[in-house]
Amino acid sequence: MPAHDIATRAQALTLKLLGVSNQDIQRLTGIHPRTVHNIMDRAIERGLDLNNPTILEIHVRDGPRPGRPKKKREELREQLVEQRTVAGEHRPLIALPSASLQKD
C-alpha cells in the first residue's frame, strides 16, 4: 500500500468534506476509497469538527511509526557528555592503566 504525502491526504479530506465520491477522489488523488475512509476517520478522531470543518495538520499528519524509535544526534551527544561528567569532573572515555603510560 503506497504512503500518501500530507498534502494529498489533505486534498482527499477536503474533497470528501465537499461531498465528492470516493471513486472520484481516487481518480483525482490516487488514494483508494477505503484509505479515504480511514483518513476521514483518523481526522475525526484527531478533532476534526464536521460542523465547522477546518482541516489542520494534526488531522492528516503521519502517525507514529512502529518499531524502536531512532535516537537523535543531540540526544547521543548529551549522553556522551553525561557519561564523561561525574560530579562536575571530567573523566576520560577510555581509561588506560597507568603502567601503559610509562616508558620502558
N, C-alpha and C. Protein backbone atom coordinates (compact mmCIF):
# COMPACT_ATOMS: atom_id res chain seq x y z
N MET A 1 0.84 -1.17 0.00
CA MET A 1 0.00 0.00 0.00
C MET A 1 0.89 1.24 0.00
N PRO A 2 0.77 2.10 -0.99
CA PRO A 2 1.63 3.27 -1.04
C PRO A 2 1.25 4.29 0.02
N ALA A 3 2.26 4.95 0.54
CA ALA A 3 2.02 6.02 1.51
C ALA A 3 1.76 7.31 0.74
N HIS A 4 0.82 8.08 1.20
CA HIS A 4 0.48 9.33 0.53
C HIS A 4 0.97 10.49 1.39
N ASP A 5 1.49 11.51 0.73
CA ASP A 5 2.02 12.64 1.49
C ASP A 5 0.88 13.43 2.14
N ILE A 6 1.27 14.30 3.05
CA ILE A 6 0.29 15.03 3.84
C ILE A 6 -0.60 15.93 2.98
N ALA A 7 -0.04 16.50 1.93
CA ALA A 7 -0.83 17.38 1.06
C ALA A 7 -1.90 16.59 0.31
N THR A 8 -1.55 15.40 -0.14
CA THR A 8 -2.52 14.57 -0.86
C THR A 8 -3.63 14.10 0.07
N ARG A 9 -3.27 13.76 1.31
CA ARG A 9 -4.29 13.37 2.29
C ARG A 9 -5.22 14.54 2.60
N ALA A 10 -4.65 15.74 2.72
CA ALA A 10 -5.47 16.93 2.98
C ALA A 10 -6.40 17.20 1.79
N GLN A 11 -5.89 17.00 0.59
CA GLN A 11 -6.72 17.20 -0.60
C GLN A 11 -7.87 16.20 -0.62
N ALA A 12 -7.58 14.94 -0.33
CA ALA A 12 -8.62 13.92 -0.31
C ALA A 12 -9.66 14.22 0.76
N LEU A 13 -9.20 14.67 1.92
CA LEU A 13 -10.12 15.00 3.01
C LEU A 13 -11.00 16.19 2.62
N THR A 14 -10.42 17.18 1.98
CA THR A 14 -11.20 18.34 1.52
C THR A 14 -12.26 17.92 0.52
N LEU A 15 -11.87 17.09 -0.44
CA LEU A 15 -12.83 16.62 -1.43
C LEU A 15 -13.96 15.82 -0.77
N LYS A 16 -13.59 14.99 0.20
CA LYS A 16 -14.59 14.20 0.92
C LYS A 16 -15.58 15.11 1.66
N LEU A 17 -15.05 16.14 2.31
CA LEU A 17 -15.91 17.07 3.05
C LEU A 17 -16.81 17.87 2.11
N LEU A 18 -16.38 18.04 0.87
CA LEU A 18 -17.19 18.75 -0.12
C LEU A 18 -18.23 17.85 -0.78
N GLY A 19 -18.21 16.55 -0.43
CA GLY A 19 -19.21 15.63 -0.94
C GLY A 19 -18.83 14.89 -2.21
N VAL A 20 -17.57 14.96 -2.59
CA VAL A 20 -17.10 14.24 -3.77
C VAL A 20 -17.06 12.74 -3.44
N SER A 21 -17.44 11.91 -4.39
CA SER A 21 -17.48 10.47 -4.15
C SER A 21 -16.07 9.90 -3.98
N ASN A 22 -15.99 8.79 -3.27
CA ASN A 22 -14.69 8.15 -3.05
C ASN A 22 -14.04 7.72 -4.37
N GLN A 23 -14.84 7.30 -5.33
CA GLN A 23 -14.31 6.89 -6.63
C GLN A 23 -13.70 8.09 -7.36
N ASP A 24 -14.36 9.24 -7.28
CA ASP A 24 -13.80 10.45 -7.90
C ASP A 24 -12.54 10.91 -7.17
N ILE A 25 -12.54 10.77 -5.85
CA ILE A 25 -11.35 11.13 -5.08
C ILE A 25 -10.19 10.23 -5.49
N GLN A 26 -10.47 8.94 -5.69
CA GLN A 26 -9.42 8.02 -6.14
C GLN A 26 -8.90 8.43 -7.51
N ARG A 27 -9.79 8.80 -8.39
CA ARG A 27 -9.38 9.21 -9.74
C ARG A 27 -8.52 10.46 -9.69
N LEU A 28 -8.84 11.40 -8.80
CA LEU A 28 -8.11 12.66 -8.72
C LEU A 28 -6.81 12.57 -7.93
N THR A 29 -6.79 11.76 -6.88
CA THR A 29 -5.63 11.73 -5.98
C THR A 29 -4.85 10.42 -6.01
N GLY A 30 -5.49 9.36 -6.48
CA GLY A 30 -4.83 8.05 -6.46
C GLY A 30 -4.98 7.32 -5.14
N ILE A 31 -5.77 7.87 -4.23
CA ILE A 31 -5.98 7.25 -2.92
C ILE A 31 -7.18 6.32 -3.01
N HIS A 32 -6.98 5.08 -2.59
CA HIS A 32 -8.04 4.06 -2.62
C HIS A 32 -9.22 4.50 -1.75
N PRO A 33 -10.45 4.18 -2.17
CA PRO A 33 -11.63 4.59 -1.39
C PRO A 33 -11.59 4.17 0.08
N ARG A 34 -11.09 2.99 0.37
CA ARG A 34 -11.01 2.55 1.77
C ARG A 34 -10.04 3.45 2.55
N THR A 35 -8.96 3.85 1.90
CA THR A 35 -7.99 4.73 2.55
C THR A 35 -8.59 6.11 2.78
N VAL A 36 -9.41 6.58 1.85
CA VAL A 36 -10.11 7.86 2.04
C VAL A 36 -10.98 7.78 3.30
N HIS A 37 -11.66 6.66 3.45
CA HIS A 37 -12.50 6.45 4.64
C HIS A 37 -11.63 6.47 5.91
N ASN A 38 -10.47 5.81 5.85
CA ASN A 38 -9.56 5.79 7.01
C ASN A 38 -9.03 7.19 7.34
N ILE A 39 -8.71 7.96 6.30
CA ILE A 39 -8.23 9.33 6.52
C ILE A 39 -9.30 10.16 7.22
N MET A 40 -10.54 10.01 6.77
CA MET A 40 -11.65 10.74 7.40
C MET A 40 -11.83 10.31 8.85
N ASP A 41 -11.80 9.00 9.11
CA ASP A 41 -11.94 8.50 10.48
C ASP A 41 -10.84 9.03 11.39
N ARG A 42 -9.59 9.00 10.91
CA ARG A 42 -8.47 9.50 11.73
C ARG A 42 -8.61 11.00 11.99
N ALA A 43 -9.05 11.74 10.98
CA ALA A 43 -9.22 13.19 11.15
C ALA A 43 -10.27 13.48 12.22
N ILE A 44 -11.35 12.72 12.21
CA ILE A 44 -12.40 12.91 13.23
C ILE A 44 -11.87 12.54 14.61
N GLU A 45 -11.12 11.43 14.69
CA GLU A 45 -10.52 11.03 15.97
C GLU A 45 -9.57 12.10 16.50
N ARG A 46 -8.91 12.81 15.59
CA ARG A 46 -7.93 13.82 15.97
C ARG A 46 -8.55 15.21 16.14
N GLY A 47 -9.88 15.28 16.12
CA GLY A 47 -10.54 16.53 16.47
C GLY A 47 -11.18 17.31 15.34
N LEU A 48 -11.29 16.75 14.16
CA LEU A 48 -11.96 17.46 13.07
C LEU A 48 -13.43 17.62 13.42
N ASP A 49 -13.91 18.86 13.38
CA ASP A 49 -15.31 19.17 13.67
C ASP A 49 -16.07 19.22 12.36
N LEU A 50 -16.99 18.29 12.15
CA LEU A 50 -17.73 18.22 10.90
C LEU A 50 -18.71 19.38 10.74
N ASN A 51 -19.09 20.02 11.84
CA ASN A 51 -19.99 21.17 11.76
C ASN A 51 -19.25 22.44 11.34
N ASN A 52 -17.97 22.49 11.61
CA ASN A 52 -17.13 23.63 11.22
C ASN A 52 -15.81 23.07 10.72
N PRO A 53 -15.81 22.47 9.52
CA PRO A 53 -14.62 21.73 9.06
C PRO A 53 -13.47 22.64 8.63
N THR A 54 -12.50 22.75 9.50
CA THR A 54 -11.25 23.41 9.18
C THR A 54 -10.17 22.35 9.33
N ILE A 55 -9.50 22.05 8.23
CA ILE A 55 -8.50 20.98 8.26
C ILE A 55 -7.19 21.53 8.79
N LEU A 56 -6.71 20.90 9.84
CA LEU A 56 -5.42 21.25 10.44
C LEU A 56 -4.42 20.16 10.14
N GLU A 57 -3.15 20.49 10.30
CA GLU A 57 -2.10 19.50 10.04
C GLU A 57 -2.28 18.25 10.90
N ILE A 58 -2.68 18.44 12.14
CA ILE A 58 -2.84 17.30 13.05
C ILE A 58 -3.87 16.30 12.52
N HIS A 59 -4.81 16.76 11.73
CA HIS A 59 -5.85 15.88 11.20
C HIS A 59 -5.31 14.91 10.15
N VAL A 60 -4.25 15.29 9.45
CA VAL A 60 -3.76 14.47 8.33
C VAL A 60 -2.29 14.07 8.45
N ARG A 61 -1.64 14.41 9.56
CA ARG A 61 -0.22 14.09 9.68
C ARG A 61 0.00 12.59 9.83
N ASP A 62 1.23 12.17 9.58
CA ASP A 62 1.60 10.76 9.71
C ASP A 62 1.47 10.32 11.15
N GLY A 63 1.07 9.09 11.34
CA GLY A 63 1.01 8.52 12.67
C GLY A 63 2.38 8.04 13.09
N PRO A 64 2.51 7.61 14.33
CA PRO A 64 3.80 7.11 14.79
C PRO A 64 4.18 5.84 14.04
N ARG A 65 5.46 5.69 13.79
CA ARG A 65 5.97 4.52 13.09
C ARG A 65 6.21 3.38 14.08
N PRO A 66 5.96 2.16 13.65
CA PRO A 66 6.23 1.03 14.55
C PRO A 66 7.73 0.80 14.69
N GLY A 67 8.09 0.13 15.75
CA GLY A 67 9.49 -0.22 15.96
C GLY A 67 10.18 0.72 16.92
N ARG A 68 11.43 0.43 17.13
CA ARG A 68 12.23 1.22 18.05
C ARG A 68 12.48 2.61 17.47
N PRO A 69 12.24 3.65 18.26
CA PRO A 69 12.49 5.00 17.75
C PRO A 69 13.98 5.24 17.54
N LYS A 70 14.29 6.03 16.53
CA LYS A 70 15.68 6.36 16.24
C LYS A 70 16.13 7.45 17.20
N LYS A 71 17.37 7.32 17.67
CA LYS A 71 17.91 8.33 18.57
C LYS A 71 18.42 9.51 17.77
N LYS A 72 18.20 10.65 18.30
CA LYS A 72 18.65 11.86 17.64
C LYS A 72 20.10 12.14 18.00
N ARG A 73 20.76 12.80 17.10
CA ARG A 73 22.18 13.10 17.28
C ARG A 73 22.41 13.89 18.57
N GLU A 74 21.55 14.85 18.86
CA GLU A 74 21.71 15.67 20.06
C GLU A 74 21.57 14.83 21.32
N GLU A 75 20.62 13.91 21.32
CA GLU A 75 20.44 13.04 22.48
C GLU A 75 21.70 12.20 22.71
N LEU A 76 22.29 11.72 21.63
CA LEU A 76 23.52 10.93 21.77
C LEU A 76 24.65 11.78 22.32
N ARG A 77 24.76 13.02 21.84
CA ARG A 77 25.81 13.91 22.33
C ARG A 77 25.64 14.17 23.82
N GLU A 78 24.40 14.42 24.23
CA GLU A 78 24.15 14.67 25.65
C GLU A 78 24.48 13.44 26.50
N GLN A 79 24.18 12.27 25.97
CA GLN A 79 24.51 11.05 26.70
C GLN A 79 26.01 10.90 26.86
N LEU A 80 26.76 11.22 25.80
CA LEU A 80 28.22 11.12 25.89
C LEU A 80 28.77 12.11 26.90
N VAL A 81 28.26 13.33 26.89
CA VAL A 81 28.72 14.33 27.85
C VAL A 81 28.38 13.87 29.26
N GLU A 82 27.19 13.33 29.44
CA GLU A 82 26.77 12.85 30.75
C GLU A 82 27.67 11.71 31.23
N GLN A 83 28.03 10.82 30.32
CA GLN A 83 28.89 9.70 30.69
C GLN A 83 30.29 10.18 31.07
N ARG A 84 30.73 11.27 30.44
CA ARG A 84 32.07 11.77 30.71
C ARG A 84 32.13 12.63 31.96
N THR A 85 31.00 13.11 32.42
CA THR A 85 30.99 14.03 33.55
C THR A 85 30.47 13.31 34.79
N VAL A 86 31.27 13.30 35.83
CA VAL A 86 30.85 12.71 37.10
C VAL A 86 31.09 13.77 38.17
N ALA A 87 30.02 14.22 38.79
CA ALA A 87 30.10 15.23 39.85
C ALA A 87 30.91 16.45 39.41
N GLY A 88 30.70 16.87 38.18
CA GLY A 88 31.36 18.08 37.69
C GLY A 88 32.79 17.86 37.22
N GLU A 89 33.31 16.65 37.36
CA GLU A 89 34.68 16.38 36.92
C GLU A 89 34.64 15.55 35.65
N HIS A 90 35.55 15.85 34.75
CA HIS A 90 35.61 15.07 33.52
C HIS A 90 36.49 13.85 33.74
N ARG A 91 36.07 12.77 33.15
CA ARG A 91 36.88 11.56 33.19
C ARG A 91 37.07 11.10 31.75
N PRO A 92 38.13 10.42 31.45
CA PRO A 92 38.38 10.01 30.07
C PRO A 92 37.37 8.96 29.61
N LEU A 93 37.13 8.95 28.31
CA LEU A 93 36.25 7.94 27.75
C LEU A 93 36.88 6.56 27.86
N ILE A 94 38.20 6.50 27.68
CA ILE A 94 38.92 5.24 27.79
C ILE A 94 39.98 5.42 28.87
N ALA A 95 39.89 4.61 29.89
CA ALA A 95 40.87 4.70 30.97
C ALA A 95 41.99 3.70 30.71
N LEU A 96 43.19 4.23 30.48
CA LEU A 96 44.34 3.36 30.26
C LEU A 96 45.02 3.09 31.59
N PRO A 97 45.49 1.89 31.77
CA PRO A 97 46.23 1.61 33.01
C PRO A 97 47.46 2.51 33.07
N SER A 98 47.77 3.01 34.24
CA SER A 98 48.88 3.95 34.38
C SER A 98 50.20 3.31 33.97
N ALA A 99 50.33 2.01 34.09
CA ALA A 99 51.57 1.32 33.72
C ALA A 99 51.82 1.44 32.22
N SER A 100 50.78 1.51 31.42
CA SER A 100 50.97 1.59 29.97
C SER A 100 51.47 2.96 29.54
N LEU A 101 51.41 3.94 30.42
CA LEU A 101 51.88 5.28 30.09
C LEU A 101 53.37 5.45 30.36
N GLN A 102 53.95 4.54 31.13
CA GLN A 102 55.36 4.64 31.46
C GLN A 102 56.21 4.13 30.31
N LYS A 103 57.35 4.81 30.09
CA LYS A 103 58.26 4.37 29.04
C LYS A 103 59.13 3.25 29.58
N ASP A 104 59.44 2.31 28.73
CA ASP A 104 60.33 1.21 29.13
C ASP A 104 61.77 1.57 28.90
